[in-house]
PDB file of N, CA and C in Angstrom:
ATOM      1  N   MET A   1       0.864  -1.040   0.130  1.00  0.00           N
ATOM      2  CA  MET A   1      -0.193   0.123  -0.020  1.00  0.00           C
ATOM      3  C   MET A   1       0.999   1.193   0.150  1.00  0.00           C
ATOM      4  N   ARG A   2       2.181   1.023   0.792  1.00  0.00           N
ATOM      5  CA  ARG A   2       2.864   2.385   0.679  1.00  0.00           C
ATOM      6  C   ARG A   2       3.502   2.883  -0.805  1.00  0.00           C
ATOM      7  N   LEU A   3       3.641   1.958  -1.346  1.00  0.00           N
ATOM      8  CA  LEU A   3       4.151   2.103  -2.957  1.00  0.00           C
ATOM      9  C   LEU A   3       3.040   2.643  -3.801  1.00  0.00           C
ATOM     10  N   ILE A   4       2.039   2.094  -3.469  1.00  0.00           N
ATOM     11  CA  ILE A   4       0.549   2.498  -4.237  1.00  0.00           C
ATOM     12  C   ILE A   4       0.398   4.084  -3.879  1.00  0.00           C
ATOM     13  N   GLU A   5       0.331   4.372  -2.338  1.00  0.00           N
ATOM     14  CA  GLU A   5       0.086   5.672  -2.204  1.00  0.00           C
ATOM     15  C   GLU A   5       1.102   6.653  -2.722  1.00  0.00           C
ATOM     16  N   GLU A   6       2.406   6.140  -2.454  1.00  0.00           N
ATOM     17  CA  GLU A   6       3.536   6.884  -3.329  1.00  0.00           C
ATOM     18  C   GLU A   6       3.426   7.439  -4.722  1.00  0.00           C
ATOM     19  N   ALA A   7       3.101   6.333  -5.335  1.00  0.00           N
ATOM     20  CA  ALA A   7       2.680   6.487  -6.939  1.00  0.00           C
ATOM     21  C   ALA A   7       1.521   7.815  -7.108  1.00  0.00           C
ATOM     22  N   LEU A   8       0.530   7.157  -6.149  1.00  0.00           N
ATOM     23  CA  LEU A   8      -0.781   8.202  -6.316  1.00  0.00           C
ATOM     24  C   LEU A   8      -0.561   9.865  -5.964  1.00  0.00           C
ATOM     25  N   ALA A   9       0.329   9.517  -5.017  1.00  0.00           N
ATOM     26  CA  ALA A   9       0.818  11.139  -4.563  1.00  0.00           C
ATOM     27  C   ALA A   9       1.554  11.713  -5.455  1.00  0.00           C
ATOM     28  N   GLY A  10       2.363  11.026  -6.188  1.00  0.00           N
ATOM     29  CA  GLY A  10       3.086  11.760  -7.285  1.00  0.00           C
ATOM     30  C   GLY A  10       2.346  11.620  -8.626  1.00  0.00           C
ATOM     31  N   GLY A  11       1.083  11.507  -8.710  1.00  0.00           N
ATOM     32  CA  GLY A  11       0.214  11.754  -9.836  1.00  0.00           C
ATOM     33  C   GLY A  11       0.495  10.741 -10.908  1.00  0.00           C
ATOM     34  N   ARG A  12       0.943   9.727 -10.406  1.00  0.00           N
ATOM     35  CA  ARG A  12       1.132   8.450 -11.347  1.00  0.00           C
ATOM     36  C   ARG A  12      -0.155   7.465 -11.352  1.00  0.00           C
ATOM     37  N   SER A  13      -0.188   6.874 -12.541  1.00  0.00           N
ATOM     38  CA  SER A  13      -1.301   5.656 -12.454  1.00  0.00           C
ATOM     39  C   SER A  13      -0.826   4.536 -11.991  1.00  0.00           C
ATOM     40  N   VAL A  14      -1.444   3.747 -11.457  1.00  0.00           N
ATOM     41  CA  VAL A  14      -1.322   2.523 -10.758  1.00  0.00           C
ATOM     42  C   VAL A  14      -2.136   1.402 -11.238  1.00  0.00           C
ATOM     43  N   ALA A  15      -1.451   0.217 -11.397  1.00  0.00           N
ATOM     44  CA  ALA A  15      -2.182  -0.879 -11.695  1.00  0.00           C
ATOM     45  C   ALA A  15      -1.912  -1.896 -10.768  1.00  0.00           C
ATOM     46  N   VAL A  16      -3.021  -2.625  -9.949  1.00  0.00           N
ATOM     47  CA  VAL A  16      -2.695  -3.667  -9.239  1.00  0.00           C
ATOM     48  C   VAL A  16      -3.251  -4.922  -9.628  1.00  0.00           C
ATOM     49  N   ASP A  17      -2.018  -5.927  -9.963  1.00  0.00           N
ATOM     50  CA  ASP A  17      -2.324  -6.996 -10.835  1.00  0.00           C
ATOM     51  C   ASP A  17      -2.136  -8.061  -9.734  1.00  0.00           C
ATOM     52  N   ASN A  18      -3.371  -8.594  -9.176  1.00  0.00           N
ATOM     53  CA  ASN A  18      -3.304  -9.474  -8.261  1.00  0.00           C
ATOM     54  C   ASN A  18      -4.619 -10.126  -8.038  1.00  0.00           C
ATOM     55  N   THR A  19      -5.183 -10.946  -7.290  1.00  0.00           N
ATOM     56  CA  THR A  19      -6.483 -11.378  -7.216  1.00  0.00           C
ATOM     57  C   THR A  19      -6.812 -10.565  -5.713  1.00  0.00           C
ATOM     58  N   ASN A  20      -7.682 -10.017  -5.682  1.00  0.00           N
ATOM     59  CA  ASN A  20      -8.614  -9.467  -4.785  1.00  0.00           C
ATOM     60  C   ASN A  20     -10.056  -9.766  -4.933  1.00  0.00           C
ATOM     61  N   PRO A  21     -10.202 -11.065  -4.142  1.00  0.00           N
ATOM     62  CA  PRO A  21     -11.221 -11.698  -4.410  1.00  0.00           C
ATOM     63  C   PRO A  21     -12.537 -11.019  -3.632  1.00  0.00           C
ATOM     64  N   SER A  22     -12.531  -9.968  -2.686  1.00  0.00           N
ATOM     65  CA  SER A  22     -13.655  -9.689  -1.989  1.00  0.00           C
ATOM     66  C   SER A  22     -13.320  -7.960  -1.696  1.00  0.00           C
ATOM     67  N   PRO A  23     -14.239  -7.565  -1.338  1.00  0.00           N
ATOM     68  CA  PRO A  23     -14.213  -6.107  -0.491  1.00  0.00           C
ATOM     69  C   PRO A  23     -13.312  -5.688   0.395  1.00  0.00           C
ATOM     70  N   ASP A  24     -13.016  -6.836   1.236  1.00  0.00           N
ATOM     71  CA  ASP A  24     -11.828  -6.803   2.468  1.00  0.00           C
ATOM     72  C   ASP A  24     -10.458  -6.593   1.608  1.00  0.00           C
ATOM     73  N   GLU A  25     -10.272  -7.305   0.640  1.00  0.00           N
ATOM     74  CA  GLU A  25      -9.062  -7.049  -0.001  1.00  0.00           C
ATOM     75  C   GLU A  25      -8.767  -5.703  -0.840  1.00  0.00           C
ATOM     76  N   TRP A  26     -10.064  -5.649  -1.476  1.00  0.00           N
ATOM     77  CA  TRP A  26     -10.037  -4.225  -3.014  1.00  0.00           C
ATOM     78  C   TRP A  26     -10.446  -2.892  -1.749  1.00  0.00           C
ATOM     79  N   GLY A  27     -10.856  -3.014  -1.120  1.00  0.00           N
ATOM     80  CA  GLY A  27     -11.610  -1.734  -0.172  1.00  0.00           C
ATOM     81  C   GLY A  27     -10.668  -0.942  -0.101  1.00  0.00           C
ATOM     82  N   PRO A  28      -9.319  -1.025   0.743  1.00  0.00           N
ATOM     83  CA  PRO A  28      -8.280  -0.098   0.823  1.00  0.00           C
ATOM     84  C   PRO A  28      -7.651   0.404  -0.267  1.00  0.00           C
ATOM     85  N   LEU A  29      -7.738  -0.251  -1.553  1.00  0.00           N
ATOM     86  CA  LEU A  29      -7.278   0.049  -2.905  1.00  0.00           C
ATOM     87  C   LEU A  29      -8.257   1.169  -3.400  1.00  0.00           C
ATOM     88  N   VAL A  30      -9.415   0.791  -3.453  1.00  0.00           N
ATOM     89  CA  VAL A  30     -10.303   1.785  -3.729  1.00  0.00           C
ATOM     90  C   VAL A  30     -10.418   3.138  -2.693  1.00  0.00           C
ATOM     91  N   ALA A  31     -10.409   2.776  -1.837  1.00  0.00           N
ATOM     92  CA  ALA A  31      -9.979   4.305  -0.786  1.00  0.00           C
ATOM     93  C   ALA A  31      -8.877   4.907  -1.167  1.00  0.00           C
ATOM     94  N   ALA A  32      -7.919   4.287  -1.318  1.00  0.00           N
ATOM     95  CA  ALA A  32      -6.630   5.179  -1.497  1.00  0.00           C
ATOM     96  C   ALA A  32      -6.743   5.959  -2.900  1.00  0.00           C
ATOM     97  N   GLY A  33      -7.227   5.054  -3.781  1.00  0.00           N
ATOM     98  CA  GLY A  33      -7.560   5.820  -5.313  1.00  0.00           C
ATOM     99  C   GLY A  33      -8.295   6.770  -5.082  1.00  0.00           C
ATOM    100  N   HIS A  34      -9.387   6.939  -4.476  1.00  0.00           N
ATOM    101  CA  HIS A  34     -10.132   8.046  -4.402  1.00  0.00           C
ATOM    102  C   HIS A  34      -9.570   8.951  -3.507  1.00  0.00           C
ATOM    103  N   ALA A  35      -8.746   8.804  -2.516  1.00  0.00           N
ATOM    104  CA  ALA A  35      -8.196   9.709  -1.657  1.00  0.00           C
ATOM    105  C   ALA A  35      -7.401  10.710  -2.418  1.00  0.00           C
ATOM    106  N   TYR A  36      -6.684  10.110  -3.597  1.00  0.00           N
ATOM    107  CA  TYR A  36      -5.711  10.906  -4.503  1.00  0.00           C
ATOM    108  C   TYR A  36      -6.374  11.294  -5.735  1.00  0.00           C
ATOM    109  N   GLY A  37      -7.643  11.265  -5.914  1.00  0.00           N
ATOM    110  CA  GLY A  37      -8.270  11.801  -6.847  1.00  0.00           C
ATOM    111  C   GLY A  37      -8.292  11.185  -8.153  1.00  0.00           C
ATOM    112  N   ALA A  38      -7.983   9.784  -7.848  1.00  0.00           N
ATOM    113  CA  ALA A  38      -7.846   8.745  -9.019  1.00  0.00           C
ATOM    114  C   ALA A  38      -9.194   7.957  -9.607  1.00  0.00           C
ATOM    115  N   ALA A  39      -9.175   8.025 -10.780  1.00  0.00           N
ATOM    116  CA  ALA A  39     -10.307   6.882 -11.230  1.00  0.00           C
ATOM    117  C   ALA A  39     -10.255   5.378 -10.915  1.00  0.00           C
ATOM    118  N   VAL A  40     -10.949   4.851 -10.269  1.00  0.00           N
ATOM    119  CA  VAL A  40     -10.691   3.305  -9.851  1.00  0.00           C
ATOM    120  C   VAL A  40     -11.435   2.609 -10.517  1.00  0.00           C
ATOM    121  N   VAL A  41     -10.730   1.560 -11.152  1.00  0.00           N
ATOM    122  CA  VAL A  41     -11.546   0.682 -12.246  1.00  0.00           C
ATOM    123  C   VAL A  41     -10.983  -0.627 -11.898  1.00  0.00           C
ATOM    124  N   ALA A  42     -12.316  -1.772 -11.907  1.00  0.00           N
ATOM    125  CA  ALA A  42     -11.988  -2.864 -11.691  1.00  0.00           C
ATOM    126  C   ALA A  42     -12.154  -3.663 -13.006  1.00  0.00           C
ATOM    127  N   TYR A  43     -11.196  -4.735 -13.298  1.00  0.00           N
ATOM    128  CA  TYR A  43     -11.152  -5.715 -14.300  1.00  0.00           C
ATOM    129  C   TYR A  43     -11.789  -6.826 -13.935  1.00  0.00           C
ATOM    130  N   TRP A  44     -13.064  -7.490 -14.298  1.00  0.00           N
ATOM    131  CA  TRP A  44     -13.257  -8.786 -13.758  1.00  0.00           C
ATOM    132  C   TRP A  44     -13.074  -9.734 -14.613  1.00  0.00           C
ATOM    133  N   PHE A  45     -12.195 -10.933 -14.616  1.00  0.00           N
ATOM    134  CA  PHE A  45     -12.147 -12.050 -15.148  1.00  0.00           C
ATOM    135  C   PHE A  45     -13.015 -13.072 -14.530  1.00  0.00           C
ATOM    136  N   PRO A  46     -13.852 -13.379 -15.099  1.00  0.00           N
ATOM    137  CA  PRO A  46     -14.752 -14.516 -14.721  1.00  0.00           C
ATOM    138  C   PRO A  46     -13.822 -15.780 -14.393  1.00  0.00           C
ATOM    139  N   PRO A  47     -14.279 -16.205 -13.032  1.00  0.00           N
ATOM    140  CA  PRO A  47     -13.486 -17.631 -12.848  1.00  0.00           C
ATOM    141  C   PRO A  47     -13.400 -18.652 -13.771  1.00  0.00           C
ATOM    142  N   ASP A  48     -12.205 -19.587 -13.883  1.00  0.00           N
ATOM    143  CA  ASP A  48     -12.012 -20.538 -14.692  1.00  0.00           C
ATOM    144  C   ASP A  48     -11.239 -21.547 -14.031  1.00  0.00           C
ATOM    145  N   LEU A  49     -11.742 -22.367 -13.048  1.00  0.00           N
ATOM    146  CA  LEU A  49     -11.015 -23.192 -11.981  1.00  0.00           C
ATOM    147  C   LEU A  49     -10.145 -23.999 -12.788  1.00  0.00           C
ATOM    148  N   ALA A  50     -10.740 -24.952 -13.812  1.00  0.00           N
ATOM    149  CA  ALA A  50      -9.970 -25.613 -14.764  1.00  0.00           C
ATOM    150  C   ALA A  50      -8.695 -25.044 -15.190  1.00  0.00           C
ATOM    151  N   GLY A  51      -9.107 -23.924 -15.813  1.00  0.00           N
ATOM    152  CA  GLY A  51      -7.583 -23.049 -16.584  1.00  0.00           C
ATOM    153  C   GLY A  51      -6.863 -22.490 -15.578  1.00  0.00           C
ATOM    154  N   SER A  52      -7.165 -22.089 -14.074  1.00  0.00           N
ATOM    155  CA  SER A  52      -6.435 -21.606 -13.538  1.00  0.00           C
ATOM    156  C   SER A  52      -5.294 -22.577 -12.994  1.00  0.00           C
ATOM    157  N   LEU A  53      -6.226 -24.083 -12.615  1.00  0.00           N
ATOM    158  CA  LEU A  53      -5.135 -24.845 -12.118  1.00  0.00           C
ATOM    159  C   LEU A  53      -4.510 -25.435 -13.018  1.00  0.00           C
ATOM    160  N   ARG A  54      -4.512 -25.364 -14.372  1.00  0.00           N
ATOM    161  CA  ARG A  54      -3.467 -25.823 -15.296  1.00  0.00           C
ATOM    162  C   ARG A  54      -2.744 -24.611 -15.574  1.00  0.00           C
ATOM    163  N   ARG A  55      -2.903 -23.455 -15.734  1.00  0.00           N
ATOM    164  CA  ARG A  55      -1.886 -22.310 -15.668  1.00  0.00           C
ATOM    165  C   ARG A  55      -0.950 -22.405 -14.347  1.00  0.00           C
ATOM    166  N   ASN A  56      -1.545 -22.728 -13.062  1.00  0.00           N
ATOM    167  CA  ASN A  56      -0.895 -22.747 -11.989  1.00  0.00           C
ATOM    168  C   ASN A  56       0.011 -24.089 -12.060  1.00  0.00           C
ATOM    169  N   ALA A  57      -0.295 -25.257 -12.560  1.00  0.00           N
ATOM    170  CA  ALA A  57       0.546 -26.144 -12.487  1.00  0.00           C
ATOM    171  C   ALA A  57       1.743 -25.992 -13.269  1.00  0.00           C
ATOM    172  N   ALA A  58       1.941 -25.111 -14.344  1.00  0.00           N
ATOM    173  CA  ALA A  58       2.796 -24.893 -15.029  1.00  0.00           C
ATOM    174  C   ALA A  58       3.793 -24.013 -14.491  1.00  0.00           C
ATOM    175  N   ARG A  59       3.533 -23.522 -13.316  1.00  0.00           N
ATOM    176  CA  ARG A  59       4.317 -22.647 -12.439  1.00  0.00           C
ATOM    177  C   ARG A  59       5.384 -23.270 -11.989  1.00  0.00           C
ATOM    178  N   THR A  60       6.531 -22.994 -11.261  1.00  0.00           N
ATOM    179  CA  THR A  60       7.415 -23.459 -10.543  1.00  0.00           C
ATOM    180  C   THR A  60       7.842 -22.812  -9.375  1.00  0.00           C
ATOM    181  N   GLY A  61       8.368 -23.633  -8.402  1.00  0.00           N
ATOM    182  CA  GLY A  61       8.795 -23.035  -7.020  1.00  0.00           C
ATOM    183  C   GLY A  61       7.816 -21.906  -6.603  1.00  0.00           C
ATOM    184  N   ARG A  62       8.307 -20.769  -6.229  1.00  0.00           N
ATOM    185  CA  ARG A  62       7.366 -19.916  -5.202  1.00  0.00           C
ATOM    186  C   ARG A  62       6.279 -19.458  -6.056  1.00  0.00           C
ATOM    187  N   ASP A  63       6.342 -19.396  -7.618  1.00  0.00           N
ATOM    188  CA  ASP A  63       5.463 -18.926  -8.273  1.00  0.00           C
ATOM    189  C   ASP A  63       3.990 -19.843  -8.308  1.00  0.00           C
ATOM    190  N   ARG A  64       4.370 -20.973  -7.932  1.00  0.00           N
ATOM    191  CA  ARG A  64       2.880 -21.843  -7.689  1.00  0.00           C
ATOM    192  C   ARG A  64       2.271 -22.026  -6.436  1.00  0.00           C
ATOM    193  N   VAL A  65       0.971 -21.926  -6.473  1.00  0.00           N
ATOM    194  CA  VAL A  65       0.280 -21.647  -5.226  1.00  0.00           C
ATOM    195  C   VAL A  65      -0.563 -23.318  -5.193  1.00  0.00           C
ATOM    196  N   PRO A  66      -0.342 -23.538  -3.924  1.00  0.00           N
ATOM    197  CA  PRO A  66      -1.009 -24.799  -3.731  1.00  0.00           C
ATOM    198  C   PRO A  66      -2.443 -24.910  -4.194  1.00  0.00           C
ATOM    199  N   ASP A  67      -2.702 -25.754  -4.811  1.00  0.00           N
ATOM    200  CA  ASP A  67      -4.081 -25.828  -5.368  1.00  0.00           C
ATOM    201  C   ASP A  67      -5.186 -25.561  -4.375  1.00  0.00           C
ATOM    202  N   VAL A  68      -5.079 -26.018  -3.315  1.00  0.00           N
ATOM    203  CA  VAL A  68      -5.822 -25.703  -2.162  1.00  0.00           C
ATOM    204  C   VAL A  68      -6.320 -24.226  -2.051  1.00  0.00           C
ATOM    205  N   GLY A  69      -5.004 -23.452  -2.251  1.00  0.00           N
ATOM    206  CA  GLY A  69      -5.014 -22.060  -2.318  1.00  0.00           C
ATOM    207  C   GLY A  69      -6.185 -21.375  -3.334  1.00  0.00           C
ATOM    208  N   VAL A  70      -5.891 -21.766  -4.622  1.00  0.00           N
ATOM    209  CA  VAL A  70      -6.343 -21.751  -5.739  1.00  0.00           C
ATOM    210  C   VAL A  70      -8.125 -21.760  -5.520  1.00  0.00           C
ATOM    211  N   ARG A  71      -8.397 -22.840  -4.972  1.00  0.00           N
ATOM    212  CA  ARG A  71     -10.048 -23.195  -4.740  1.00  0.00           C
ATOM    213  C   ARG A  71     -10.605 -22.375  -3.534  1.00  0.00           C
ATOM    214  N   ALA A  72      -9.646 -22.319  -2.507  1.00  0.00           N
ATOM    215  CA  ALA A  72     -10.141 -21.345  -1.261  1.00  0.00           C
ATOM    216  C   ALA A  72     -10.294 -19.733  -2.048  1.00  0.00           C
ATOM    217  N   THR A  73      -9.574 -19.293  -2.930  1.00  0.00           N
ATOM    218  CA  THR A  73      -9.613 -17.860  -3.419  1.00  0.00           C
ATOM    219  C   THR A  73     -10.916 -17.981  -3.987  1.00  0.00           C
ATOM    220  N   LEU A  74     -11.097 -18.820  -4.969  1.00  0.00           N
ATOM    221  CA  LEU A  74     -12.412 -18.891  -5.725  1.00  0.00           C
ATOM    222  C   LEU A  74     -13.659 -18.769  -4.903  1.00  0.00           C
ATOM    223  N   ARG A  75     -13.623 -19.575  -3.607  1.00  0.00           N
ATOM    224  CA  ARG A  75     -14.783 -19.568  -2.667  1.00  0.00           C
ATOM    225  C   ARG A  75     -15.054 -18.109  -2.274  1.00  0.00           C
ATOM    226  N   ARG A  76     -13.903 -17.278  -2.068  1.00  0.00           N
ATOM    227  CA  ARG A  76     -14.224 -16.101  -1.539  1.00  0.00           C
ATOM    228  C   ARG A  76     -14.507 -14.909  -2.762  1.00  0.00           C
ATOM    229  N   LEU A  77     -14.195 -15.351  -3.985  1.00  0.00           N
ATOM    230  CA  LEU A  77     -14.359 -14.337  -4.970  1.00  0.00           C
ATOM    231  C   LEU A  77     -15.529 -13.961  -5.405  1.00  0.00           C
ATOM    232  N   ARG A  78     -15.753 -12.594  -5.555  1.00  0.00           N
ATOM    233  CA  ARG A  78     -16.908 -11.970  -5.516  1.00  0.00           C
ATOM    234  C   ARG A  78     -16.725 -10.981  -6.744  1.00  0.00           C
ATOM    235  N   ARG A  79     -17.944 -10.877  -7.862  1.00  0.00           N
ATOM    236  CA  ARG A  79     -17.851  -9.873  -8.613  1.00  0.00           C
ATOM    237  C   ARG A  79     -17.796  -8.439  -8.272  1.00  0.00           C
ATOM    238  N   PRO A  80     -16.824  -7.604  -8.514  1.00  0.00           N
ATOM    239  CA  PRO A  80     -17.143  -6.183  -7.854  1.00  0.00           C
ATOM    240  C   PRO A  80     -18.018  -5.366  -8.843  1.00  0.00           C
ATOM    241  N   THR A  81     -18.869  -4.562  -8.112  1.00  0.00           N
ATOM    242  CA  THR A  81     -19.579  -3.560  -8.761  1.00  0.00           C
ATOM    243  C   THR A  81     -19.444  -2.153  -8.630  1.00  0.00           C
ATOM    244  N   ARG A  82     -20.040  -1.332  -9.140  1.00  0.00           N
ATOM    245  CA  ARG A  82     -19.893   0.376  -8.987  1.00  0.00           C
ATOM    246  C   ARG A  82     -20.387   0.502  -7.565  1.00  0.00           C
ATOM    247  N   GLU A  83     -21.395  -0.155  -6.980  1.00  0.00           N
ATOM    248  CA  GLU A  83     -21.914   0.114  -5.621  1.00  0.00           C
ATOM    249  C   GLU A  83     -20.537  -0.242  -4.766  1.00  0.00           C
ATOM    250  N   ASP A  84     -19.484  -0.671  -5.068  1.00  0.00           N
ATOM    251  CA  ASP A  84     -18.109  -0.877  -4.247  1.00  0.00           C
ATOM    252  C   ASP A  84     -17.220   0.218  -4.235  1.00  0.00           C
ATOM    253  N   GLY A  85     -17.718   1.232  -4.851  1.00  0.00           N
ATOM    254  CA  GLY A  85     -16.851   2.419  -4.904  1.00  0.00           C
ATOM    255  C   GLY A  85     -15.979   2.601  -6.485  1.00  0.00           C
ATOM    256  N   PHE A  86     -16.006   1.661  -7.196  1.00  0.00           N
ATOM    257  CA  PHE A  86     -15.429   1.486  -8.421  1.00  0.00           C
ATOM    258  C   PHE A  86     -16.180   2.591  -9.325  1.00  0.00           C
ATOM    259  N   ASP A  87     -15.253   3.170  -9.919  1.00  0.00           N
ATOM    260  CA  ASP A  87     -15.762   4.228 -10.949  1.00  0.00           C
ATOM    261  C   ASP A  87     -16.336   3.426 -12.133  1.00  0.00           C
ATOM    262  N   ALA A  88     -15.469   2.157 -12.748  1.00  0.00           N
ATOM    263  CA  ALA A  88     -16.342   1.678 -13.670  1.00  0.00           C
ATOM    264  C   ALA A  88     -15.688   0.304 -13.428  1.00  0.00           C
ATOM    265  N   VAL A  89     -16.594  -0.727 -14.140  1.00  0.00           N
ATOM    266  CA  VAL A  89     -15.889  -2.470 -13.644  1.00  0.00           C
ATOM    267  C   VAL A  89     -16.385  -2.891 -15.230  1.00  0.00           C
ATOM    268  N   LEU A  90     -15.034  -3.535 -15.771  1.00  0.00           N
ATOM    269  CA  LEU A  90     -15.231  -3.949 -16.851  1.00  0.00           C
ATOM    270  C   LEU A  90     -14.967  -5.492 -16.922  1.00  0.00           C
ATOM    271  N   ASP A  91     -15.545  -6.036 -17.767  1.00  0.00           N
ATOM    272  CA  ASP A  91     -15.401  -7.622 -18.135  1.00  0.00           C
ATOM    273  C   ASP A  91     -14.340  -7.915 -18.866  1.00  0.00           C
ATOM    274  N   VAL A  92     -13.389  -8.748 -18.676  1.00  0.00           N
ATOM    275  CA  VAL A  92     -12.499  -9.358 -19.653  1.00  0.00           C
ATOM    276  C   VAL A  92     -12.521 -10.812 -19.878  1.00  0.00           C
ATOM    277  N   ARG A  93     -12.514 -11.069 -20.945  1.00  0.00           N
ATOM    278  CA  ARG A  93     -12.552 -12.388 -21.525  1.00  0.00           C
ATOM    279  C   ARG A  93     -11.641 -12.478 -22.741  1.00  0.00           C
ATOM    280  N   PHE A  94     -11.083 -13.972 -22.804  1.00  0.00           N
ATOM    281  CA  PHE A  94     -10.020 -14.171 -23.810  1.00  0.00           C
ATOM    282  C   PHE A  94     -10.903 -14.016 -24.989  1.00  0.00           C
ATOM    283  N   ASP A  95     -10.291 -13.572 -26.494  1.00  0.00           N
ATOM    284  CA  ASP A  95     -10.861 -13.258 -27.250  1.00  0.00           C
ATOM    285  C   ASP A  95     -10.567 -14.448 -28.020  1.00  0.00           C
ATOM    286  N   GLY A  96      -9.849 -15.461 -28.055  1.00  0.00           N
ATOM    287  CA  GLY A  96      -9.644 -16.958 -28.559  1.00  0.00           C
ATOM    288  C   GLY A  96      -8.506 -16.438 -29.782  1.00  0.00           C
ATOM    289  N   ARG A  97      -7.786 -15.405 -29.787  1.00  0.00           N
ATOM    290  CA  ARG A  97      -6.844 -15.050 -30.670  1.00  0.00           C
ATOM    291  C   ARG A  97      -5.366 -14.581 -30.051  1.00  0.00           C
ATOM    292  N   GLY A  98      -5.421 -14.895 -28.526  1.00  0.00           N
ATOM    293  CA  GLY A  98      -4.378 -14.527 -27.966  1.00  0.00           C
ATOM    294  C   GLY A  98      -4.523 -13.155 -27.204  1.00  0.00           C
ATOM    295  N   GLY A  99      -5.641 -12.774 -27.472  1.00  0.00           N
ATOM    296  CA  GLY A  99      -5.774 -11.252 -26.840  1.00  0.00           C
ATOM    297  C   GLY A  99      -7.220 -11.149 -25.803  1.00  0.00           C
ATOM    298  N   PHE A 100      -7.446 -10.022 -25.382  1.00  0.00           N
ATOM    299  CA  PHE A 100      -8.557  -9.935 -24.556  1.00  0.00           C
ATOM    300  C   PHE A 100      -9.905  -9.038 -25.475  1.00  0.00           C
ATOM    301  N   ASP A 101     -11.093  -9.700 -24.828  1.00  0.00           N
ATOM    302  CA  ASP A 101     -12.022  -8.275 -25.489  1.00  0.00           C
ATOM    303  C   ASP A 101     -12.887  -7.834 -23.845  1.00  0.00           C
ATOM    304  N   VAL A 102     -12.678  -6.559 -23.719  1.00  0.00           N
ATOM    305  CA  VAL A 102     -12.829  -5.737 -22.767  1.00  0.00           C
ATOM    306  C   VAL A 102     -14.196  -5.136 -22.877  1.00  0.00           C
ATOM    307  N   ARG A 103     -15.022  -5.153 -22.191  1.00  0.00           N
ATOM    308  CA  ARG A 103     -16.219  -4.477 -22.151  1.00  0.00           C
ATOM    309  C   ARG A 103     -16.986  -3.829 -20.924  1.00  0.00           C
ATOM    310  N   PRO A 104     -17.743  -2.953 -20.672  1.00  0.00           N
ATOM    311  CA  PRO A 104     -18.131  -2.382 -19.425  1.00  0.00           C
ATOM    312  C   PRO A 104     -19.091  -3.707 -18.997  1.00  0.00           C
ATOM    313  N   ALA A 105     -18.884  -3.767 -17.850  1.00  0.00           N
ATOM    314  CA  ALA A 105     -19.853  -4.740 -16.909  1.00  0.00           C
ATOM    315  C   ALA A 105     -21.386  -4.613 -17.233  1.00  0.00           C
ATOM    316  N   PRO A 106     -21.897  -5.869 -17.233  1.00  0.00           N
ATOM    317  CA  PRO A 106     -23.487  -5.376 -16.994  1.00  0.00           C
ATOM    318  C   PRO A 106     -23.661  -5.131 -15.811  1.00  0.00           C
ATOM    319  N   ALA A 107     -24.915  -4.431 -15.384  1.00  0.00           N
ATOM    320  CA  ALA A 107     -25.306  -4.054 -14.205  1.00  0.00           C
ATOM    321  C   ALA A 107     -25.485  -5.217 -13.374  1.00  0.00           C
ATOM    322  N   GLY A 108     -25.335  -5.109 -12.088  1.00  0.00           N
ATOM    323  CA  GLY A 108     -25.862  -6.526 -11.306  1.00  0.00           C
ATOM    324  C   GLY A 108     -25.451  -6.056  -9.692  1.00  0.00           C
ATOM    325  N   GLY A 109     -25.813  -6.904  -9.012  1.00  0.00           N
ATOM    326  CA  GLY A 109     -25.666  -6.759  -7.401  1.00  0.00           C
ATOM    327  C   GLY A 109     -24.450  -7.336  -7.145  1.00  0.00           C
ATOM    328  N   PRO A 110     -24.177  -6.988  -5.874  1.00  0.00           N
ATOM    329  CA  PRO A 110     -22.704  -7.375  -5.272  1.00  0.00           C
ATOM    330  C   PRO A 110     -22.662  -9.047  -5.414  1.00  0.00           C
ATOM    331  N   ALA A 111     -23.708  -9.655  -5.494  1.00  0.00           N
ATOM    332  CA  ALA A 111     -23.525 -11.085  -5.695  1.00  0.00           C
ATOM    333  C   ALA A 111     -23.428 -11.744  -6.950  1.00  0.00           C
ATOM    334  N   ALA A 112     -23.576 -10.734  -8.172  1.00  0.00           N
ATOM    335  CA  ALA A 112     -23.314 -11.320  -9.597  1.00  0.00           C
ATOM    336  C   ALA A 112     -22.190 -12.031  -9.858  1.00  0.00           C
ATOM    337  N   ARG A 113     -22.100 -13.085 -10.299  1.00  0.00           N
ATOM    338  CA  ARG A 113     -20.793 -13.877 -10.631  1.00  0.00           C
ATOM    339  C   ARG A 113     -20.997 -14.103 -12.305  1.00  0.00           C
ATOM    340  N   GLY A 114     -19.627 -14.076 -12.481  1.00  0.00           N
ATOM    341  CA  GLY A 114     -19.267 -14.694 -14.232  1.00  0.00           C
ATOM    342  C   GLY A 114     -19.545 -15.865 -14.501  1.00  0.00           C
TER     343      GLY A 114
END
């Protein structure tokens, strides 16, 4: 958080590339962004347990997460919404050509899942 706040205080954009499965994890990030006047955008990648386990199995050493950890995160995973304080929520899907299709997320309540 210190590095994020330093970057925001310096007027720089920040991207947090991490699984933040619930408001407990993303709440402080949203608050920090707004405190520094930044637009706060969530990118929702719908869960794909089989794909996640396959990509994780290809990792080695400290980069590999125990499968139980992947499953535990999935259980806590909640789709972010604008009601959570985000200025925008975007849905991200693989486009089948090695890229991504990014679109505004449909309206939905806090329990909406992809």
